[in-house]
Amino acid sequence: MGAHEIRIRLGGVSRQRAYQITSRADFPKPLADLAQGKVWLADDVEGWMKVHRRDLDDSED
């Protein structure tokens, strides 16, 4: 899953917000850093979102 897919899964957040989220210490590490950008395992990202999504909603107020 690339950054664009993560943005979509997070409800259409901005590129800047997606960068902030994917840079968090508790966010899964990328599987690879390709020329087009970083990619993550979809299962890792989905699992992280299940645990942290409520926290993200609260921080955007």
PDB file of N, CA and C in Angstrom:
ATOM      1  N   MET A   1       0.857  -1.165   0.000  1.00  0.00           N
ATOM      2  CA  MET A   1       0.000   0.000   0.000  1.00  0.00           C
ATOM      3  C   MET A   1       0.906   1.231   0.000  1.00  0.00           C
ATOM      4  N   GLY A   2       0.664   2.121  -0.933  1.00  0.00           N
ATOM      5  CA  GLY A   2       1.434   3.352  -1.011  1.00  0.00           C
ATOM      6  C   GLY A   2       0.783   4.479  -0.230  1.00  0.00           C
ATOM      7  N   ALA A   3       1.438   5.619  -0.230  1.00  0.00           N
ATOM      8  CA  ALA A   3       0.952   6.776   0.519  1.00  0.00           C
ATOM      9  C   ALA A   3      -0.437   7.216   0.034  1.00  0.00           C
ATOM     10  N   HIS A   4      -0.680   7.151  -1.266  1.00  0.00           N
ATOM     11  CA  HIS A   4      -1.984   7.559  -1.785  1.00  0.00           C
ATOM     12  C   HIS A   4      -3.099   6.657  -1.252  1.00  0.00           C
ATOM     13  N   GLU A   5      -2.850   5.359  -1.250  1.00  0.00           N
ATOM     14  CA  GLU A   5      -3.847   4.423  -0.713  1.00  0.00           C
ATOM     15  C   GLU A   5      -4.072   4.657   0.775  1.00  0.00           C
ATOM     16  N   ILE A   6      -3.010   4.964   1.491  1.00  0.00           N
ATOM     17  CA  ILE A   6      -3.148   5.262   2.920  1.00  0.00           C
ATOM     18  C   ILE A   6      -3.992   6.517   3.109  1.00  0.00           C
ATOM     19  N   ARG A   7      -3.754   7.541   2.297  1.00  0.00           N
ATOM     20  CA  ARG A   7      -4.560   8.763   2.382  1.00  0.00           C
ATOM     21  C   ARG A   7      -6.036   8.452   2.189  1.00  0.00           C
ATOM     22  N   ILE A   8      -6.347   7.622   1.212  1.00  0.00           N
ATOM     23  CA  ILE A   8      -7.736   7.259   0.943  1.00  0.00           C
ATOM     24  C   ILE A   8      -8.328   6.509   2.131  1.00  0.00           C
ATOM     25  N   ARG A   9      -7.589   5.512   2.640  1.00  0.00           N
ATOM     26  CA  ARG A   9      -8.085   4.704   3.759  1.00  0.00           C
ATOM     27  C   ARG A   9      -8.291   5.544   5.027  1.00  0.00           C
ATOM     28  N   LEU A  10      -7.535   6.635   5.159  1.00  0.00           N
ATOM     29  CA  LEU A  10      -7.683   7.520   6.317  1.00  0.00           C
ATOM     30  C   LEU A  10      -8.755   8.579   6.094  1.00  0.00           C
ATOM     31  N   GLY A  11      -9.528   8.426   5.049  1.00  0.00           N
ATOM     32  CA  GLY A  11     -10.652   9.329   4.825  1.00  0.00           C
ATOM     33  C   GLY A  11     -10.327  10.518   3.947  1.00  0.00           C
ATOM     34  N   GLY A  12      -9.297  10.404   3.134  1.00  0.00           N
ATOM     35  CA  GLY A  12      -8.963  11.492   2.220  1.00  0.00           C
ATOM     36  C   GLY A  12      -8.153  12.605   2.864  1.00  0.00           C
ATOM     37  N   VAL A  13      -7.291  12.259   3.810  1.00  0.00           N
ATOM     38  CA  VAL A  13      -6.464  13.277   4.458  1.00  0.00           C
ATOM     39  C   VAL A  13      -5.477  13.876   3.459  1.00  0.00           C
ATOM     40  N   SER A  14      -4.939  15.031   3.804  1.00  0.00           N
ATOM     41  CA  SER A  14      -3.967  15.705   2.940  1.00  0.00           C
ATOM     42  C   SER A  14      -2.651  14.935   2.893  1.00  0.00           C
ATOM     43  N   ARG A  15      -1.824  15.261   1.928  1.00  0.00           N
ATOM     44  CA  ARG A  15      -0.491  14.643   1.846  1.00  0.00           C
ATOM     45  C   ARG A  15       0.321  14.937   3.108  1.00  0.00           C
ATOM     46  N   GLN A  16       0.210  16.174   3.575  1.00  0.00           N
ATOM     47  CA  GLN A  16       0.958  16.554   4.776  1.00  0.00           C
ATOM     48  C   GLN A  16       0.515  15.735   5.988  1.00  0.00           C
ATOM     49  N   ARG A  17      -0.791  15.556   6.132  1.00  0.00           N
ATOM     50  CA  ARG A  17      -1.315  14.784   7.266  1.00  0.00           C
ATOM     51  C   ARG A  17      -0.909  13.319   7.139  1.00  0.00           C
ATOM     52  N   ALA A  18      -0.947  12.771   5.937  1.00  0.00           N
ATOM     53  CA  ALA A  18      -0.522  11.386   5.736  1.00  0.00           C
ATOM     54  C   ALA A  18       0.949  11.228   6.090  1.00  0.00           C
ATOM     55  N   TYR A  19       1.776  12.209   5.733  1.00  0.00           N
ATOM     56  CA  TYR A  19       3.195  12.169   6.080  1.00  0.00           C
ATOM     57  C   TYR A  19       3.377  12.194   7.598  1.00  0.00           C
ATOM     58  N   GLN A  20       2.611  13.065   8.279  1.00  0.00           N
ATOM     59  CA  GLN A  20       2.690  13.121   9.743  1.00  0.00           C
ATOM     60  C   GLN A  20       2.347  11.766  10.359  1.00  0.00           C
ATOM     61  N   ILE A  21       1.307  11.146   9.861  1.00  0.00           N
ATOM     62  CA  ILE A  21       0.853   9.864  10.408  1.00  0.00           C
ATOM     63  C   ILE A  21       1.858   8.763  10.123  1.00  0.00           C
ATOM     64  N   THR A  22       2.331   8.673   8.873  1.00  0.00           N
ATOM     65  CA  THR A  22       3.254   7.595   8.518  1.00  0.00           C
ATOM     66  C   THR A  22       4.633   7.799   9.138  1.00  0.00           C
ATOM     67  N   SER A  23       4.917   9.001   9.627  1.00  0.00           N
ATOM     68  CA  SER A  23       6.200   9.281  10.291  1.00  0.00           C
ATOM     69  C   SER A  23       6.154   9.002  11.790  1.00  0.00           C
ATOM     70  N   ARG A  24       4.981   8.717  12.321  1.00  0.00           N
ATOM     71  CA  ARG A  24       4.860   8.440  13.757  1.00  0.00           C
ATOM     72  C   ARG A  24       5.697   7.217  14.122  1.00  0.00           C
ATOM     73  N   ALA A  25       6.251   7.250  15.320  1.00  0.00           N
ATOM     74  CA  ALA A  25       7.088   6.138  15.793  1.00  0.00           C
ATOM     75  C   ALA A  25       6.294   4.836  15.881  1.00  0.00           C
ATOM     76  N   ASP A  26       4.984   4.938  16.142  1.00  0.00           N
ATOM     77  CA  ASP A  26       4.177   3.726  16.302  1.00  0.00           C
ATOM     78  C   ASP A  26       3.544   3.242  14.991  1.00  0.00           C
ATOM     79  N   PHE A  27       3.782   3.953  13.881  1.00  0.00           N
ATOM     80  CA  PHE A  27       3.253   3.509  12.591  1.00  0.00           C
ATOM     81  C   PHE A  27       4.154   2.403  12.055  1.00  0.00           C
ATOM     82  N   PRO A  28       3.584   1.405  11.373  1.00  0.00           N
ATOM     83  CA  PRO A  28       4.424   0.315  10.838  1.00  0.00           C
ATOM     84  C   PRO A  28       5.540   0.844   9.936  1.00  0.00           C
ATOM     85  N   LYS A  29       6.659   0.173   9.980  1.00  0.00           N
ATOM     86  CA  LYS A  29       7.786   0.529   9.120  1.00  0.00           C
ATOM     87  C   LYS A  29       7.451   0.129   7.683  1.00  0.00           C
ATOM     88  N   PRO A  30       7.894   0.921   6.707  1.00  0.00           N
ATOM     89  CA  PRO A  30       7.619   0.564   5.311  1.00  0.00           C
ATOM     90  C   PRO A  30       8.324  -0.732   4.925  1.00  0.00           C
ATOM     91  N   LEU A  31       7.700  -1.462   4.041  1.00  0.00           N
ATOM     92  CA  LEU A  31       8.275  -2.691   3.505  1.00  0.00           C
ATOM     93  C   LEU A  31       9.443  -2.359   2.584  1.00  0.00           C
ATOM     94  N   ALA A  32       9.286  -1.276   1.809  1.00  0.00           N
ATOM     95  CA  ALA A  32      10.334  -0.860   0.875  1.00  0.00           C
ATOM     96  C   ALA A  32      10.229   0.636   0.626  1.00  0.00           C
ATOM     97  N   ASP A  33      11.347   1.220   0.223  1.00  0.00           N
ATOM     98  CA  ASP A  33      11.392   2.626  -0.162  1.00  0.00           C
ATOM     99  C   ASP A  33      11.789   2.661  -1.639  1.00  0.00           C
ATOM    100  N   LEU A  34      10.790   2.729  -2.505  1.00  0.00           N
ATOM    101  CA  LEU A  34      10.995   2.665  -3.951  1.00  0.00           C
ATOM    102  C   LEU A  34      11.194   4.070  -4.523  1.00  0.00           C
ATOM    103  N   ALA A  35      11.561   4.145  -5.783  1.00  0.00           N
ATOM    104  CA  ALA A  35      11.733   5.436  -6.443  1.00  0.00           C
ATOM    105  C   ALA A  35      10.438   6.261  -6.392  1.00  0.00           C
ATOM    106  N   GLN A  36       9.297   5.582  -6.453  1.00  0.00           N
ATOM    107  CA  GLN A  36       8.006   6.280  -6.421  1.00  0.00           C
ATOM    108  C   GLN A  36       7.526   6.579  -5.009  1.00  0.00           C
ATOM    109  N   GLY A  37       8.212   6.085  -4.003  1.00  0.00           N
ATOM    110  CA  GLY A  37       7.829   6.341  -2.622  1.00  0.00           C
ATOM    111  C   GLY A  37       7.835   5.076  -1.791  1.00  0.00           C
ATOM    112  N   LYS A  38       7.502   5.241  -0.544  1.00  0.00           N
ATOM    113  CA  LYS A  38       7.483   4.113   0.387  1.00  0.00           C
ATOM    114  C   LYS A  38       6.231   3.280   0.186  1.00  0.00           C
ATOM    115  N   VAL A  39       6.347   1.989   0.496  1.00  0.00           N
ATOM    116  CA  VAL A  39       5.190   1.089   0.461  1.00  0.00           C
ATOM    117  C   VAL A  39       5.155   0.289   1.759  1.00  0.00           C
ATOM    118  N   TRP A  40       3.942   0.041   2.223  1.00  0.00           N
ATOM    119  CA  TRP A  40       3.715  -0.685   3.460  1.00  0.00           C
ATOM    120  C   TRP A  40       2.871  -1.914   3.172  1.00  0.00           C
ATOM    121  N   LEU A  41       2.973  -2.902   4.030  1.00  0.00           N
ATOM    122  CA  LEU A  41       2.086  -4.056   3.939  1.00  0.00           C
ATOM    123  C   LEU A  41       0.679  -3.602   4.331  1.00  0.00           C
ATOM    124  N   ALA A  42      -0.292  -3.897   3.493  1.00  0.00           N
ATOM    125  CA  ALA A  42      -1.666  -3.472   3.754  1.00  0.00           C
ATOM    126  C   ALA A  42      -2.164  -4.008   5.096  1.00  0.00           C
ATOM    127  N   ASP A  43      -1.838  -5.256   5.422  1.00  0.00           N
ATOM    128  CA  ASP A  43      -2.280  -5.835   6.699  1.00  0.00           C
ATOM    129  C   ASP A  43      -1.725  -5.059   7.881  1.00  0.00           C
ATOM    130  N   ASP A  44      -0.469  -4.618   7.789  1.00  0.00           N
ATOM    131  CA  ASP A  44       0.137  -3.834   8.874  1.00  0.00           C
ATOM    132  C   ASP A  44      -0.580  -2.506   9.055  1.00  0.00           C
ATOM    133  N   VAL A  45      -0.863  -1.829   7.942  1.00  0.00           N
ATOM    134  CA  VAL A  45      -1.523  -0.527   7.997  1.00  0.00           C
ATOM    135  C   VAL A  45      -2.948  -0.682   8.520  1.00  0.00           C
ATOM    136  N   GLU A  46      -3.671  -1.673   8.018  1.00  0.00           N
ATOM    137  CA  GLU A  46      -5.052  -1.892   8.474  1.00  0.00           C
ATOM    138  C   GLU A  46      -5.084  -2.221   9.966  1.00  0.00           C
ATOM    139  N   GLY A  47      -4.162  -3.049  10.419  1.00  0.00           N
ATOM    140  CA  GLY A  47      -4.094  -3.382  11.844  1.00  0.00           C
ATOM    141  C   GLY A  47      -3.804  -2.160  12.689  1.00  0.00           C
ATOM    142  N   TRP A  48      -2.895  -1.322  12.225  1.00  0.00           N
ATOM    143  CA  TRP A  48      -2.557  -0.097  12.953  1.00  0.00           C
ATOM    144  C   TRP A  48      -3.772   0.821  13.024  1.00  0.00           C
ATOM    145  N   MET A  49      -4.501   0.941  11.893  1.00  0.00           N
ATOM    146  CA  MET A  49      -5.678   1.817  11.865  1.00  0.00           C
ATOM    147  C   MET A  49      -6.762   1.348  12.830  1.00  0.00           C
ATOM    148  N   LYS A  50      -6.931   0.043  12.968  1.00  0.00           N
ATOM    149  CA  LYS A  50      -7.950  -0.474  13.888  1.00  0.00           C
ATOM    150  C   LYS A  50      -7.672  -0.029  15.314  1.00  0.00           C
ATOM    151  N   VAL A  51      -6.415   0.055  15.662  1.00  0.00           N
ATOM    152  CA  VAL A  51      -6.032   0.443  17.020  1.00  0.00           C
ATOM    153  C   VAL A  51      -6.024   1.956  17.195  1.00  0.00           C
ATOM    154  N   HIS A  52      -5.587   2.711  16.181  1.00  0.00           N
ATOM    155  CA  HIS A  52      -5.312   4.132  16.338  1.00  0.00           C
ATOM    156  C   HIS A  52      -6.289   5.080  15.669  1.00  0.00           C
ATOM    157  N   ARG A  53      -7.217   4.614  14.925  1.00  0.00           N
ATOM    158  CA  ARG A  53      -8.084   5.515  14.148  1.00  0.00           C
ATOM    159  C   ARG A  53      -8.827   6.514  15.034  1.00  0.00           C
ATOM    160  N   ARG A  54      -9.323   6.097  16.174  1.00  0.00           N
ATOM    161  CA  ARG A  54     -10.052   7.009  17.067  1.00  0.00           C
ATOM    162  C   ARG A  54      -9.130   8.135  17.531  1.00  0.00           C
ATOM    163  N   ASP A  55      -7.872   7.809  17.846  1.00  0.00           N
ATOM    164  CA  ASP A  55      -6.905   8.821  18.257  1.00  0.00           C
ATOM    165  C   ASP A  55      -6.686   9.839  17.148  1.00  0.00           C
ATOM    166  N   LEU A  56      -6.645   9.385  15.909  1.00  0.00           N
ATOM    167  CA  LEU A  56      -6.425  10.290  14.782  1.00  0.00           C
ATOM    168  C   LEU A  56      -7.613  11.216  14.618  1.00  0.00           C
ATOM    169  N   ASP A  57      -8.822  10.701  14.775  1.00  0.00           N
ATOM    170  CA  ASP A  57     -10.021  11.525  14.657  1.00  0.00           C
ATOM    171  C   ASP A  57     -10.009  12.620  15.712  1.00  0.00           C
ATOM    172  N   ASP A  58      -9.616  12.284  16.936  1.00  0.00           N
ATOM    173  CA  ASP A  58      -9.591  13.252  18.027  1.00  0.00           C
ATOM    174  C   ASP A  58      -8.547  14.335  17.800  1.00  0.00           C
ATOM    175  N   SER A  59      -7.404  13.993  17.203  1.00  0.00           N
ATOM    176  CA  SER A  59      -6.316  14.957  17.051  1.00  0.00           C
ATOM    177  C   SER A  59      -6.571  15.971  15.944  1.00  0.00           C
ATOM    178  N   GLU A  60      -7.555  15.728  15.093  1.00  0.00           N
ATOM    179  CA  GLU A  60      -7.812  16.658  13.986  1.00  0.00           C
ATOM    180  C   GLU A  60      -8.818  17.730  14.348  1.00  0.00           C
ATOM    181  N   ASP A  61      -9.328  17.738  15.544  1.00  0.00           N
ATOM    182  CA  ASP A  61     -10.310  18.750  15.964  1.00  0.00           C
ATOM    183  C   ASP A  61      -9.666  20.093  16.185  1.00  0.00           C
TER     184      ASP A  61
END
